[in-house]
């Protein structure tokens, strides 16, 4: 599995925590920054991750900002992206199993690093269940046409 990860300035600390988790799990990733705490615009950091996941360069993406909302809205503008804003472990499991989400968004100002690690680990290891959920994901995809 290959992961693209990015944040805005409001998610820098949590992004670094998730990068540590990716290293611990031995998951290949590319960190799209930013590398400073200077204020940046979240769409500028969501778009490169979403576009590269959509075109297949990366299997999944992780985006973090203050709330996760701006990142998730931005990522979901890219055709082929199913970005889920998640702040609990149950939703992380469900969005992979039921929605086949390919981008995870989280908010650094909403959750702490311990919970964020558990969410990311669950989301990274959970598989899409297919079955009855497949037709629903296909209907989501059809909305993009």
N, C-alpha and C. Protein backbone atom coordinates (compact mmCIF):
# COMPACT_ATOMS: atom_id res chain seq x y z
N UNK A 1 0.84 -1.17 0.00
CA UNK A 1 0.00 0.00 0.00
C UNK A 1 0.89 1.24 0.00
N UNK A 2 0.47 2.25 -0.79
CA UNK A 2 1.22 3.50 -0.88
C UNK A 2 0.27 4.65 -0.53
N UNK A 3 0.68 5.48 0.43
CA UNK A 3 -0.16 6.54 0.98
C UNK A 3 0.41 7.91 0.64
N UNK A 4 -0.47 8.83 0.25
CA UNK A 4 -0.13 10.25 0.12
C UNK A 4 -0.69 10.95 1.34
N UNK A 5 0.10 11.80 1.98
CA UNK A 5 -0.35 12.49 3.19
C UNK A 5 0.01 13.97 3.11
N UNK A 6 -0.89 14.79 3.63
CA UNK A 6 -0.65 16.23 3.65
C UNK A 6 -1.51 16.87 4.72
N UNK A 7 -1.23 18.12 4.99
CA UNK A 7 -2.00 18.89 5.95
C UNK A 7 -1.91 20.36 5.57
N UNK A 8 -2.63 21.18 6.30
CA UNK A 8 -2.34 22.61 6.26
C UNK A 8 -1.61 22.92 7.57
N UNK A 9 -1.39 24.20 7.83
CA UNK A 9 -0.66 24.58 9.05
C UNK A 9 -1.37 24.11 10.32
N UNK A 10 -2.71 24.03 10.28
CA UNK A 10 -3.48 23.62 11.44
C UNK A 10 -3.41 22.13 11.73
N UNK A 11 -2.83 21.37 10.81
CA UNK A 11 -2.73 19.93 10.99
C UNK A 11 -1.32 19.40 11.00
N UNK A 12 -0.34 20.30 11.02
CA UNK A 12 1.07 19.88 10.94
C UNK A 12 1.48 18.89 12.03
N UNK A 13 1.13 19.17 13.26
CA UNK A 13 1.56 18.30 14.36
C UNK A 13 0.95 16.91 14.24
N UNK A 14 -0.32 16.85 13.92
CA UNK A 14 -0.98 15.56 13.79
C UNK A 14 -0.47 14.81 12.56
N UNK A 15 -0.17 15.53 11.49
CA UNK A 15 0.41 14.88 10.30
C UNK A 15 1.72 14.19 10.66
N UNK A 16 2.55 14.86 11.43
CA UNK A 16 3.83 14.26 11.83
C UNK A 16 3.61 13.01 12.68
N UNK A 17 2.59 13.04 13.52
CA UNK A 17 2.25 11.86 14.33
C UNK A 17 1.83 10.69 13.44
N UNK A 18 1.03 10.98 12.41
CA UNK A 18 0.57 9.93 11.50
C UNK A 18 1.71 9.42 10.62
N UNK A 19 2.63 10.30 10.25
CA UNK A 19 3.82 9.87 9.52
C UNK A 19 4.62 8.89 10.37
N UNK A 20 4.74 9.18 11.67
CA UNK A 20 5.43 8.23 12.57
C UNK A 20 4.72 6.88 12.58
N UNK A 21 3.39 6.90 12.60
CA UNK A 21 2.63 5.66 12.56
C UNK A 21 2.89 4.90 11.27
N UNK A 22 2.88 5.60 10.13
CA UNK A 22 3.16 4.94 8.85
C UNK A 22 4.54 4.29 8.86
N UNK A 23 5.52 4.97 9.44
CA UNK A 23 6.86 4.39 9.56
C UNK A 23 6.84 3.14 10.43
N UNK A 24 6.14 3.20 11.57
CA UNK A 24 6.04 2.06 12.47
C UNK A 24 5.38 0.86 11.80
N UNK A 25 4.38 1.13 10.96
CA UNK A 25 3.65 0.06 10.28
C UNK A 25 4.35 -0.42 9.01
N UNK A 26 5.42 0.27 8.62
CA UNK A 26 6.15 -0.10 7.41
C UNK A 26 5.38 0.20 6.14
N UNK A 27 4.54 1.22 6.18
CA UNK A 27 3.73 1.60 5.02
C UNK A 27 4.45 2.67 4.23
N UNK A 28 4.57 2.45 2.93
CA UNK A 28 5.21 3.40 2.01
C UNK A 28 4.32 4.64 1.89
N UNK A 29 4.92 5.82 1.92
CA UNK A 29 4.15 7.06 1.83
C UNK A 29 4.99 8.18 1.23
N UNK A 30 4.29 9.22 0.82
CA UNK A 30 4.93 10.47 0.43
C UNK A 30 4.25 11.58 1.21
N UNK A 31 5.04 12.41 1.86
CA UNK A 31 4.55 13.54 2.64
C UNK A 31 4.57 14.79 1.76
N UNK A 32 3.39 15.33 1.48
CA UNK A 32 3.26 16.51 0.63
C UNK A 32 3.29 17.81 1.42
N UNK A 33 3.65 17.74 2.69
CA UNK A 33 3.85 18.95 3.48
C UNK A 33 2.58 19.56 4.02
N UNK A 34 2.71 20.80 4.47
CA UNK A 34 3.84 21.74 4.35
C UNK A 34 4.94 21.46 5.38
N UNK A 35 6.10 22.00 5.12
CA UNK A 35 7.24 21.76 6.00
C UNK A 35 7.46 22.86 7.01
N UNK A 36 6.59 23.88 7.01
CA UNK A 36 6.68 24.96 8.00
C UNK A 36 5.31 25.14 8.65
N UNK A 37 5.27 25.95 9.68
CA UNK A 37 4.02 26.25 10.36
C UNK A 37 3.37 27.52 9.83
N UNK A 38 3.90 28.06 8.74
CA UNK A 38 3.31 29.26 8.13
C UNK A 38 1.91 28.94 7.64
N UNK A 39 1.03 29.93 7.71
CA UNK A 39 -0.34 29.76 7.26
C UNK A 39 -0.39 29.44 5.76
N UNK A 40 -1.14 28.40 5.42
CA UNK A 40 -1.32 28.00 4.02
C UNK A 40 -2.80 27.73 3.79
N UNK A 41 -3.19 27.61 2.55
CA UNK A 41 -4.58 27.35 2.18
C UNK A 41 -4.79 25.86 1.95
N UNK A 42 -5.71 25.27 2.72
CA UNK A 42 -5.91 23.81 2.67
C UNK A 42 -6.23 23.26 1.28
N UNK A 43 -6.95 23.97 0.38
CA UNK A 43 -7.18 23.37 -0.94
C UNK A 43 -5.88 23.11 -1.71
N UNK A 44 -4.87 23.95 -1.47
CA UNK A 44 -3.59 23.79 -2.15
C UNK A 44 -2.86 22.52 -1.71
N UNK A 45 -3.20 22.00 -0.55
CA UNK A 45 -2.57 20.78 -0.05
C UNK A 45 -3.46 19.55 -0.19
N UNK A 46 -4.76 19.76 -0.24
CA UNK A 46 -5.69 18.65 -0.46
C UNK A 46 -5.64 18.18 -1.92
N UNK A 47 -5.58 19.11 -2.84
CA UNK A 47 -5.67 18.78 -4.27
C UNK A 47 -4.57 17.83 -4.74
N UNK A 48 -3.30 18.07 -4.45
CA UNK A 48 -2.27 17.15 -4.94
C UNK A 48 -2.45 15.72 -4.43
N UNK A 49 -2.87 15.58 -3.18
CA UNK A 49 -3.10 14.24 -2.63
C UNK A 49 -4.29 13.59 -3.33
N UNK A 50 -5.40 14.30 -3.40
CA UNK A 50 -6.61 13.75 -4.02
C UNK A 50 -6.38 13.39 -5.49
N UNK A 51 -5.70 14.25 -6.22
CA UNK A 51 -5.46 13.99 -7.64
C UNK A 51 -4.59 12.76 -7.84
N UNK A 52 -3.60 12.59 -6.99
CA UNK A 52 -2.69 11.44 -7.14
C UNK A 52 -3.35 10.13 -6.70
N UNK A 53 -4.25 10.21 -5.73
CA UNK A 53 -5.01 9.01 -5.37
C UNK A 53 -5.97 8.68 -6.50
N UNK A 54 -6.64 9.69 -7.03
CA UNK A 54 -7.61 9.47 -8.12
C UNK A 54 -6.95 8.87 -9.36
N UNK A 55 -5.72 9.28 -9.66
CA UNK A 55 -5.08 8.76 -10.87
C UNK A 55 -4.32 7.46 -10.63
N UNK A 56 -4.36 6.94 -9.40
CA UNK A 56 -3.76 5.65 -9.11
C UNK A 56 -2.30 5.66 -8.71
N UNK A 57 -1.71 6.84 -8.63
CA UNK A 57 -0.31 6.92 -8.21
C UNK A 57 -0.15 6.46 -6.76
N UNK A 58 -1.17 6.73 -5.93
CA UNK A 58 -1.21 6.29 -4.54
C UNK A 58 -2.50 5.52 -4.31
N UNK A 59 -2.45 4.56 -3.40
CA UNK A 59 -3.64 3.76 -3.10
C UNK A 59 -4.66 4.55 -2.28
N UNK A 60 -4.17 5.31 -1.33
CA UNK A 60 -5.04 6.10 -0.45
C UNK A 60 -4.32 7.36 -0.02
N UNK A 61 -5.11 8.29 0.56
CA UNK A 61 -4.55 9.54 1.04
C UNK A 61 -5.05 9.87 2.43
N UNK A 62 -4.27 10.65 3.15
CA UNK A 62 -4.65 11.14 4.47
C UNK A 62 -4.44 12.64 4.48
N UNK A 63 -5.47 13.38 4.89
CA UNK A 63 -5.43 14.84 4.92
C UNK A 63 -5.83 15.33 6.31
N UNK A 64 -5.10 16.34 6.79
CA UNK A 64 -5.36 16.84 8.13
C UNK A 64 -5.32 18.37 8.11
N UNK A 65 -6.34 18.97 8.71
CA UNK A 65 -6.34 20.41 8.95
C UNK A 65 -6.87 20.63 10.36
N UNK A 66 -7.25 21.84 10.69
CA UNK A 66 -7.73 22.12 12.04
C UNK A 66 -8.94 21.29 12.41
N UNK A 67 -9.92 21.24 11.51
CA UNK A 67 -11.15 20.48 11.76
C UNK A 67 -11.28 19.26 10.86
N UNK A 68 -10.57 19.24 9.76
CA UNK A 68 -10.72 18.19 8.75
C UNK A 68 -11.77 18.53 7.72
N UNK A 69 -12.60 19.51 8.01
CA UNK A 69 -13.72 19.85 7.13
C UNK A 69 -13.25 20.42 5.80
N UNK A 70 -12.39 21.42 5.84
CA UNK A 70 -11.91 22.05 4.61
C UNK A 70 -11.18 21.06 3.71
N UNK A 71 -10.36 20.22 4.31
CA UNK A 71 -9.64 19.21 3.54
C UNK A 71 -10.61 18.23 2.89
N UNK A 72 -11.61 17.77 3.65
CA UNK A 72 -12.54 16.78 3.09
C UNK A 72 -13.39 17.37 1.98
N UNK A 73 -13.85 18.60 2.15
CA UNK A 73 -14.63 19.24 1.09
C UNK A 73 -13.78 19.39 -0.16
N UNK A 74 -12.55 19.85 0.01
CA UNK A 74 -11.65 20.05 -1.15
C UNK A 74 -11.36 18.73 -1.86
N UNK A 75 -11.01 17.71 -1.10
CA UNK A 75 -10.66 16.42 -1.70
C UNK A 75 -11.85 15.84 -2.46
N UNK A 76 -13.04 15.99 -1.93
CA UNK A 76 -14.23 15.40 -2.56
C UNK A 76 -14.64 16.12 -3.85
N UNK A 77 -13.99 17.21 -4.19
CA UNK A 77 -14.23 17.87 -5.47
C UNK A 77 -13.51 17.16 -6.61
N UNK A 78 -12.58 16.28 -6.28
CA UNK A 78 -11.80 15.56 -7.29
C UNK A 78 -12.54 14.27 -7.65
N UNK A 79 -12.79 14.11 -8.94
CA UNK A 79 -13.50 12.92 -9.43
C UNK A 79 -12.76 11.65 -9.01
N UNK A 80 -13.51 10.72 -8.46
CA UNK A 80 -12.93 9.45 -8.05
C UNK A 80 -12.55 9.39 -6.58
N UNK A 81 -12.70 10.49 -5.89
CA UNK A 81 -12.33 10.53 -4.47
C UNK A 81 -13.56 10.34 -3.60
N UNK A 82 -13.40 9.49 -2.60
CA UNK A 82 -14.40 9.31 -1.56
C UNK A 82 -13.67 9.58 -0.24
N UNK A 83 -13.64 10.86 0.12
CA UNK A 83 -12.95 11.29 1.32
C UNK A 83 -13.93 11.31 2.49
N UNK A 84 -13.54 10.66 3.57
CA UNK A 84 -14.37 10.60 4.77
C UNK A 84 -13.71 11.40 5.89
N UNK A 85 -14.48 12.29 6.48
CA UNK A 85 -14.04 13.03 7.66
C UNK A 85 -14.37 12.15 8.88
N UNK A 86 -13.35 11.75 9.60
CA UNK A 86 -13.52 10.77 10.67
C UNK A 86 -12.87 11.26 11.96
N UNK A 87 -13.63 11.13 13.05
CA UNK A 87 -13.10 11.49 14.37
C UNK A 87 -13.36 10.42 15.41
N UNK A 88 -13.69 9.18 14.96
CA UNK A 88 -13.86 8.07 15.88
C UNK A 88 -13.51 6.77 15.16
N UNK A 89 -13.15 5.76 15.91
CA UNK A 89 -12.68 4.49 15.35
C UNK A 89 -13.80 3.74 14.61
N UNK A 90 -15.02 3.75 15.15
CA UNK A 90 -16.12 3.06 14.50
C UNK A 90 -16.35 3.59 13.08
N UNK A 91 -16.33 4.91 12.93
CA UNK A 91 -16.54 5.50 11.60
C UNK A 91 -15.39 5.18 10.66
N UNK A 92 -14.17 5.10 11.18
CA UNK A 92 -13.02 4.72 10.35
C UNK A 92 -13.22 3.31 9.79
N UNK A 93 -13.68 2.42 10.63
CA UNK A 93 -13.94 1.04 10.20
C UNK A 93 -15.08 1.01 9.18
N UNK A 94 -16.15 1.72 9.47
CA UNK A 94 -17.33 1.70 8.60
C UNK A 94 -17.07 2.35 7.25
N UNK A 95 -16.33 3.43 7.21
CA UNK A 95 -16.13 4.11 5.93
C UNK A 95 -15.23 3.31 4.98
N UNK A 96 -14.36 2.49 5.53
CA UNK A 96 -13.59 1.59 4.67
C UNK A 96 -14.44 0.38 4.28
N UNK A 97 -15.09 -0.21 5.25
CA UNK A 97 -15.86 -1.42 4.99
C UNK A 97 -17.08 -1.21 4.12
N UNK A 98 -17.75 -0.09 4.30
CA UNK A 98 -19.01 0.16 3.60
C UNK A 98 -18.89 1.12 2.43
N UNK A 99 -18.01 2.13 2.55
CA UNK A 99 -17.93 3.18 1.52
C UNK A 99 -16.69 3.09 0.65
N UNK A 100 -15.77 2.20 0.97
CA UNK A 100 -14.51 2.09 0.23
C UNK A 100 -13.83 3.44 0.10
N UNK A 101 -13.84 4.22 1.20
CA UNK A 101 -13.20 5.54 1.16
C UNK A 101 -11.74 5.38 0.80
N UNK A 102 -11.26 6.33 -0.01
CA UNK A 102 -9.86 6.27 -0.42
C UNK A 102 -9.03 7.44 0.12
N UNK A 103 -9.69 8.36 0.81
CA UNK A 103 -8.99 9.44 1.49
C UNK A 103 -9.62 9.61 2.87
N UNK A 104 -8.78 9.77 3.87
CA UNK A 104 -9.19 10.00 5.25
C UNK A 104 -8.86 11.43 5.62
N UNK A 105 -9.82 12.14 6.19
CA UNK A 105 -9.58 13.49 6.71
C UNK A 105 -9.80 13.49 8.21
N UNK A 106 -8.94 14.20 8.92
CA UNK A 106 -9.07 14.35 10.37
C UNK A 106 -8.74 15.79 10.76
N UNK A 107 -9.22 16.18 11.95
CA UNK A 107 -8.98 17.52 12.46
C UNK A 107 -8.11 17.52 13.70
N UNK A 108 -6.98 18.19 13.63
CA UNK A 108 -6.05 18.25 14.76
C UNK A 108 -6.65 18.97 15.96
N UNK A 109 -7.52 19.94 15.71
CA UNK A 109 -8.13 20.68 16.81
C UNK A 109 -9.34 19.97 17.39
N UNK A 110 -9.69 18.82 16.81
CA UNK A 110 -10.86 18.06 17.23
C UNK A 110 -10.47 16.82 18.03
N UNK A 111 -9.41 16.15 17.62
CA UNK A 111 -8.98 14.92 18.28
C UNK A 111 -7.50 14.99 18.64
N UNK A 112 -7.11 14.20 19.60
CA UNK A 112 -5.71 14.14 20.01
C UNK A 112 -4.93 13.11 19.23
N UNK A 113 -3.63 13.08 19.44
CA UNK A 113 -2.76 12.18 18.67
C UNK A 113 -3.02 10.70 18.90
N UNK A 114 -3.34 10.31 20.12
CA UNK A 114 -3.59 8.89 20.39
C UNK A 114 -4.79 8.37 19.63
N UNK A 115 -5.89 9.11 19.67
CA UNK A 115 -7.09 8.71 18.94
C UNK A 115 -6.85 8.77 17.44
N UNK A 116 -6.15 9.79 16.98
CA UNK A 116 -5.86 9.91 15.55
C UNK A 116 -5.06 8.71 15.04
N UNK A 117 -4.12 8.24 15.83
CA UNK A 117 -3.34 7.06 15.45
C UNK A 117 -4.23 5.83 15.34
N UNK A 118 -5.14 5.66 16.29
CA UNK A 118 -6.06 4.51 16.26
C UNK A 118 -6.99 4.58 15.06
N UNK A 119 -7.48 5.78 14.77
CA UNK A 119 -8.35 5.98 13.60
C UNK A 119 -7.59 5.63 12.33
N UNK A 120 -6.41 6.20 12.18
CA UNK A 120 -5.62 5.95 10.97
C UNK A 120 -5.25 4.48 10.83
N UNK A 121 -4.85 3.85 11.92
CA UNK A 121 -4.48 2.42 11.86
C UNK A 121 -5.68 1.57 11.46
N UNK A 122 -6.83 1.87 12.03
CA UNK A 122 -8.05 1.14 11.67
C UNK A 122 -8.38 1.35 10.20
N UNK A 123 -8.34 2.59 9.76
CA UNK A 123 -8.68 2.93 8.37
C UNK A 123 -7.70 2.29 7.39
N UNK A 124 -6.45 2.24 7.76
CA UNK A 124 -5.42 1.66 6.88
C UNK A 124 -5.53 0.14 6.78
N UNK A 125 -6.02 -0.51 7.82
CA UNK A 125 -6.04 -1.97 7.83
C UNK A 125 -7.39 -2.57 7.47
N UNK A 126 -8.43 -1.78 7.51
CA UNK A 126 -9.77 -2.28 7.20
C UNK A 126 -9.93 -2.46 5.69
N UNK A 127 -10.59 -3.52 5.29
CA UNK A 127 -10.84 -3.80 3.87
C UNK A 127 -12.29 -3.45 3.50
N UNK A 128 -12.50 -3.14 2.25
CA UNK A 128 -13.84 -2.91 1.72
C UNK A 128 -14.58 -4.24 1.71
N UNK A 129 -15.80 -4.26 2.23
CA UNK A 129 -16.58 -5.49 2.33
C UNK A 129 -17.20 -5.91 1.00
N UNK A 130 -17.39 -4.97 0.08
CA UNK A 130 -18.04 -5.30 -1.19
C UNK A 130 -19.47 -5.73 -0.95
N UNK A 131 -19.92 -6.74 -1.67
CA UNK A 131 -21.28 -7.25 -1.48
C UNK A 131 -22.33 -6.18 -1.68
N UNK A 132 -23.25 -6.08 -0.73
CA UNK A 132 -24.34 -5.11 -0.85
C UNK A 132 -23.85 -3.67 -0.90
N UNK A 133 -22.62 -3.44 -0.41
CA UNK A 133 -22.07 -2.08 -0.41
C UNK A 133 -21.54 -1.67 -1.78
N UNK A 134 -21.20 -2.65 -2.61
CA UNK A 134 -20.63 -2.36 -3.93
C UNK A 134 -21.58 -1.53 -4.78
N UNK A 135 -22.85 -1.89 -4.83
CA UNK A 135 -23.80 -1.14 -5.67
C UNK A 135 -23.96 0.29 -5.16
N UNK A 136 -23.83 0.50 -3.87
CA UNK A 136 -23.94 1.85 -3.31
C UNK A 136 -22.74 2.70 -3.69
N UNK A 137 -21.56 2.10 -3.64
CA UNK A 137 -20.36 2.83 -4.07
C UNK A 137 -20.44 3.14 -5.56
N UNK A 138 -20.98 2.23 -6.35
CA UNK A 138 -21.17 2.48 -7.77
C UNK A 138 -22.14 3.65 -7.99
N UNK A 139 -23.15 3.76 -7.16
CA UNK A 139 -24.09 4.88 -7.28
C UNK A 139 -23.42 6.21 -6.92
N UNK A 140 -22.52 6.18 -5.96
CA UNK A 140 -21.74 7.38 -5.64
C UNK A 140 -20.90 7.79 -6.86
N UNK A 141 -20.23 6.81 -7.44
CA UNK A 141 -19.41 7.07 -8.62
C UNK A 141 -20.26 7.63 -9.76
N UNK A 142 -21.46 7.11 -9.94
CA UNK A 142 -22.35 7.59 -11.01
C UNK A 142 -22.73 9.05 -10.81
N UNK A 143 -22.76 9.52 -9.58
CA UNK A 143 -23.09 10.93 -9.32
C UNK A 143 -22.04 11.89 -9.91
N UNK A 144 -20.84 11.38 -10.12
CA UNK A 144 -19.76 12.22 -10.67
C UNK A 144 -19.88 12.42 -12.18
N UNK A 145 -20.71 11.64 -12.82
CA UNK A 145 -20.80 11.71 -14.28
C UNK A 145 -21.59 12.92 -14.74
